[in-house]
């Protein structure tokens, strides 16, 4: 699809999104031309789906509670080895969350609106009002594709290239170098600024591609 329809030759790719864009200072917003900072609302077809699905919410909540109860019973019946694995997993999760907070990776970008990442973030929804992006890693850099407008179905069929970042300007990085299994990747610009994207899959194809690449100097 990427080669035939978009004319690119990716090494890896995957769907991703960004967190909520914080409100920039008024002068920064004005200098950027007052760009859009939020994705578009769900289109009518998507809203209809939400309305039709509303009656099933209580059933879904009940099934969720039953699943949690089943999980609690399983934990109570765990062997000593299984309990040790659960404790190790919880400890790893705590270390991961602490590392994320310590490195400010719980934010959508480094916070410098004048940096390359901040300036790129200001244009994010001007490129496309869809809430997701297909991110491709190529030999030449990073390519982002999306439907021009937000859609509820058929996102792949409407893909268009919405942004290109040359390899000379930015690099895709796993900030944990594979230590933790997360959805987090960073687009790290040469000026030291960065933008966080979250992939649909844990340790996605993009993560595996990044881990095969030499680490950037900065």
Protein backbone atom coordinates (compact mmCIF):
# COMPACT_ATOMS: atom_id res chain seq x y z
CA UNK A 1 0.00 0.00 0.00
CA UNK A 2 2.76 2.45 0.97
CA UNK A 3 4.74 1.74 -2.17
CA UNK A 4 1.84 1.60 -4.62
CA UNK A 5 -0.39 4.41 -3.38
CA UNK A 6 1.95 6.75 -1.54
CA UNK A 7 5.09 6.29 -3.59
CA UNK A 8 7.37 5.59 -0.60
CA UNK A 9 9.55 2.62 0.35
CA UNK A 10 9.32 2.19 4.13
CA UNK A 11 11.60 0.11 6.32
CA UNK A 12 8.83 -0.07 8.96
CA UNK A 13 5.48 1.53 9.68
CA UNK A 14 2.60 1.68 12.13
CA UNK A 15 -0.38 3.73 13.29
CA UNK A 16 0.30 6.24 16.03
CA UNK A 17 -1.14 9.30 17.74
CA UNK A 18 -0.02 12.14 19.99
CA UNK A 19 -1.30 13.28 23.37
CA UNK A 20 -3.26 16.44 24.02
CA UNK A 21 -1.41 19.51 22.76
CA UNK A 22 -0.97 22.01 25.61
CA UNK A 23 -2.12 25.57 25.09
CA UNK A 24 0.80 27.60 23.69
CA UNK A 25 1.47 31.18 24.78
CA UNK A 26 -0.69 33.70 22.93
CA UNK A 27 2.26 35.22 21.05
CA UNK A 28 3.42 31.78 19.86
CA UNK A 29 -0.08 30.89 18.69
CA UNK A 30 -0.49 34.19 16.86
CA UNK A 31 2.94 33.94 15.19
CA UNK A 32 2.01 30.48 13.91
CA UNK A 33 -1.23 31.79 12.39
CA UNK A 34 -3.57 30.44 15.10
CA UNK A 35 -3.36 26.80 13.95
CA UNK A 36 -5.75 24.04 14.95
CA UNK A 37 -4.65 22.30 18.18
CA UNK A 38 -7.22 19.50 18.37
CA UNK A 39 -8.41 16.77 15.99
CA UNK A 40 -11.80 17.12 14.34
CA UNK A 41 -14.91 15.74 15.99
CA UNK A 42 -16.20 12.33 14.99
CA UNK A 43 -18.00 12.49 11.61
CA UNK A 44 -21.78 11.78 11.55
CA UNK A 45 -21.25 8.09 10.74
CA UNK A 46 -19.00 7.72 13.76
CA UNK A 47 -21.48 9.55 15.99
CA UNK A 48 -24.24 7.20 14.84
CA UNK A 49 -22.05 4.28 15.81
CA UNK A 50 -21.53 5.76 19.27
CA UNK A 51 -25.27 6.27 19.73
CA UNK A 52 -26.12 2.75 18.53
CA UNK A 53 -23.48 1.28 20.82
CA UNK A 54 -24.66 3.14 23.93
CA UNK A 55 -27.28 0.52 24.96
CA UNK A 56 -24.52 -2.09 25.11
CA UNK A 57 -22.39 -0.11 27.55
CA UNK A 58 -23.96 -1.69 30.70
CA UNK A 59 -23.36 -5.17 29.23
CA UNK A 60 -19.76 -4.30 28.43
CA UNK A 61 -19.26 -2.98 31.98
CA UNK A 62 -20.74 -6.18 33.41
CA UNK A 63 -18.47 -8.33 31.29
CA UNK A 64 -15.51 -6.24 32.39
CA UNK A 65 -16.40 -6.74 36.05
CA UNK A 66 -16.74 -10.48 35.50
CA UNK A 67 -13.35 -10.57 33.81
CA UNK A 68 -11.80 -8.70 36.74
CA UNK A 69 -13.40 -11.13 39.20
CA UNK A 70 -12.09 -14.08 37.18
CA UNK A 71 -8.61 -12.54 37.16
CA UNK A 72 -8.76 -12.06 40.96
CA UNK A 73 -9.65 -15.74 41.42
CA UNK A 74 -6.76 -16.76 39.17
CA UNK A 75 -4.36 -14.60 41.19
CA UNK A 76 -5.54 -16.24 44.41
CA UNK A 77 -4.78 -19.67 42.92
CA UNK A 78 -1.37 -18.69 41.55
CA UNK A 79 1.62 -20.85 42.31
CA UNK A 80 4.62 -19.36 44.10
CA UNK A 81 6.44 -18.94 40.77
CA UNK A 82 3.45 -17.21 39.16
CA UNK A 83 3.12 -14.82 42.11
CA UNK A 84 6.81 -14.00 41.82
CA UNK A 85 6.39 -13.24 38.11
CA UNK A 86 3.46 -10.93 38.89
CA UNK A 87 5.52 -9.10 41.52
CA UNK A 88 8.39 -8.72 39.07
CA UNK A 89 6.01 -7.37 36.43
CA UNK A 90 4.57 -4.81 38.88
CA UNK A 91 8.07 -3.72 39.86
CA UNK A 92 9.03 -3.31 36.21
CA UNK A 93 5.88 -1.25 35.60
CA UNK A 94 6.75 0.99 38.55
CA UNK A 95 10.29 1.50 37.25
CA UNK A 96 8.93 2.28 33.79
CA UNK A 97 6.43 4.84 35.11
CA UNK A 98 9.11 6.45 37.30
CA UNK A 99 11.48 6.69 34.33
CA UNK A 100 8.77 8.23 32.16
CA UNK A 101 8.02 10.87 34.80
CA UNK A 102 11.71 11.56 35.51
CA UNK A 103 12.48 12.17 31.84
CA UNK A 104 9.28 14.22 31.32
CA UNK A 105 8.12 11.67 28.75
CA UNK A 106 4.58 11.90 30.10
CA UNK A 107 4.38 15.12 28.06
CA UNK A 108 3.65 15.39 24.35
CA UNK A 109 6.88 17.33 23.64
CA UNK A 110 9.90 18.88 25.33
CA UNK A 111 8.06 22.14 26.08
CA UNK A 112 10.06 24.54 23.90
CA UNK A 113 7.60 26.09 21.44
CA UNK A 114 10.45 27.74 19.54
CA UNK A 115 12.22 24.42 18.99
CA UNK A 116 11.75 22.32 15.87
CA UNK A 117 9.49 19.86 17.70
CA UNK A 118 7.29 22.63 19.09
CA UNK A 119 6.97 24.29 15.70
CA UNK A 120 6.15 20.96 14.05
CA UNK A 121 3.57 20.23 16.76
CA UNK A 122 1.83 23.54 16.04
CA UNK A 123 1.22 22.34 12.47
CA UNK A 124 0.19 18.79 13.39
CA UNK A 125 -3.58 19.15 12.84
CA UNK A 126 -3.12 21.67 10.04
CA UNK A 127 -1.68 18.77 8.03
CA UNK A 128 -4.72 16.59 8.79
CA UNK A 129 -7.64 16.80 11.22
CA UNK A 130 -7.62 13.01 11.68
CA UNK A 131 -6.61 11.92 15.19
CA UNK A 132 -4.12 9.26 14.03
CA UNK A 133 -1.11 9.09 11.74
CA UNK A 134 0.52 6.24 9.88
CA UNK A 135 4.20 6.74 10.61
CA UNK A 136 6.72 5.31 8.15
CA UNK A 137 10.45 5.01 8.77
CA UNK A 138 12.36 5.24 5.50
CA UNK A 139 16.00 5.49 4.49
CA UNK A 140 15.44 9.20 3.82
CA UNK A 141 13.72 10.00 7.11
CA UNK A 142 10.23 9.95 8.58
CA UNK A 143 6.97 10.11 6.60
CA UNK A 144 3.57 10.74 8.17
CA UNK A 145 0.37 9.83 6.32
CA UNK A 146 -3.29 10.29 7.26
CA UNK A 147 -6.72 10.94 5.78
CA UNK A 148 -7.03 14.69 5.07
CA UNK A 149 -10.04 14.83 7.39
CA UNK A 150 -11.12 12.70 10.33
CA UNK A 151 -12.91 9.49 9.40
CA UNK A 152 -14.53 6.76 11.47
CA UNK A 153 -13.89 3.90 9.01
CA UNK A 154 -11.66 3.29 6.00
CA UNK A 155 -8.64 5.22 7.25
CA UNK A 156 -6.20 3.16 5.12
CA UNK A 157 -8.09 3.83 1.89
CA UNK A 158 -7.90 7.60 2.40
CA UNK A 159 -4.23 7.86 3.33
CA UNK A 160 -2.22 10.74 1.94
CA UNK A 161 1.28 11.88 2.83
CA UNK A 162 0.81 14.84 5.18
CA UNK A 163 4.39 15.49 6.36
CA UNK A 164 7.96 14.48 5.62
CA UNK A 165 10.88 14.95 8.00
CA UNK A 166 14.28 14.34 6.37
CA UNK A 167 16.82 12.17 8.20
CA UNK A 168 19.07 15.22 8.37
CA UNK A 169 16.47 16.95 10.58
CA UNK A 170 15.11 14.25 12.90
CA UNK A 171 15.50 10.64 14.05
CA UNK A 172 13.02 8.13 15.42
CA UNK A 173 14.11 6.92 18.89
CA UNK A 174 12.99 4.44 21.54
CA UNK A 175 13.83 6.45 24.70
CA UNK A 176 14.21 3.25 26.72
CA UNK A 177 16.41 1.42 24.19
CA UNK A 178 14.17 -1.62 24.50
CA UNK A 179 14.42 -1.90 28.31
CA UNK A 180 10.66 -1.45 28.73
CA UNK A 181 7.85 -2.68 26.51
CA UNK A 182 5.90 0.48 25.72
CA UNK A 183 4.05 2.27 22.94
CA UNK A 184 6.27 5.34 23.25
CA UNK A 185 8.57 6.57 20.49
CA UNK A 186 10.22 9.95 20.13
CA UNK A 187 10.80 12.03 17.02
CA UNK A 188 14.07 13.65 18.06
CA UNK A 189 15.07 16.76 16.13
CA UNK A 190 18.65 17.87 15.59
CA UNK A 191 18.23 20.92 17.82
CA UNK A 192 17.60 18.62 20.80
CA UNK A 193 13.81 19.05 20.88
CA UNK A 194 11.53 16.02 20.75
CA UNK A 195 7.94 14.99 20.09
CA UNK A 196 6.32 11.90 21.62
CA UNK A 197 4.13 9.56 19.57
CA UNK A 198 2.31 6.48 20.86
CA UNK A 199 1.96 3.42 18.64
CA UNK A 200 -1.10 1.20 18.49
CA UNK A 201 0.94 -1.87 19.39
CA UNK A 202 3.28 -2.50 22.29
CA UNK A 203 6.85 -2.85 20.98
CA UNK A 204 5.60 -2.34 17.46
CA UNK A 205 7.31 -2.95 14.15
CA UNK A 206 8.60 0.61 14.43
CA UNK A 207 10.16 -0.12 17.83
CA UNK A 208 11.93 -3.18 16.47
CA UNK A 209 13.20 -1.18 13.50
CA UNK A 210 14.51 1.59 15.76
CA UNK A 211 16.32 -0.89 18.01
CA UNK A 212 18.21 -2.21 15.01
CA UNK A 213 19.58 1.25 14.21
CA UNK A 214 22.70 2.83 15.76
CA UNK A 215 21.91 5.26 18.57
CA UNK A 216 22.02 8.96 17.65
CA UNK A 217 24.95 10.91 19.11
CA UNK A 218 22.69 13.39 20.96
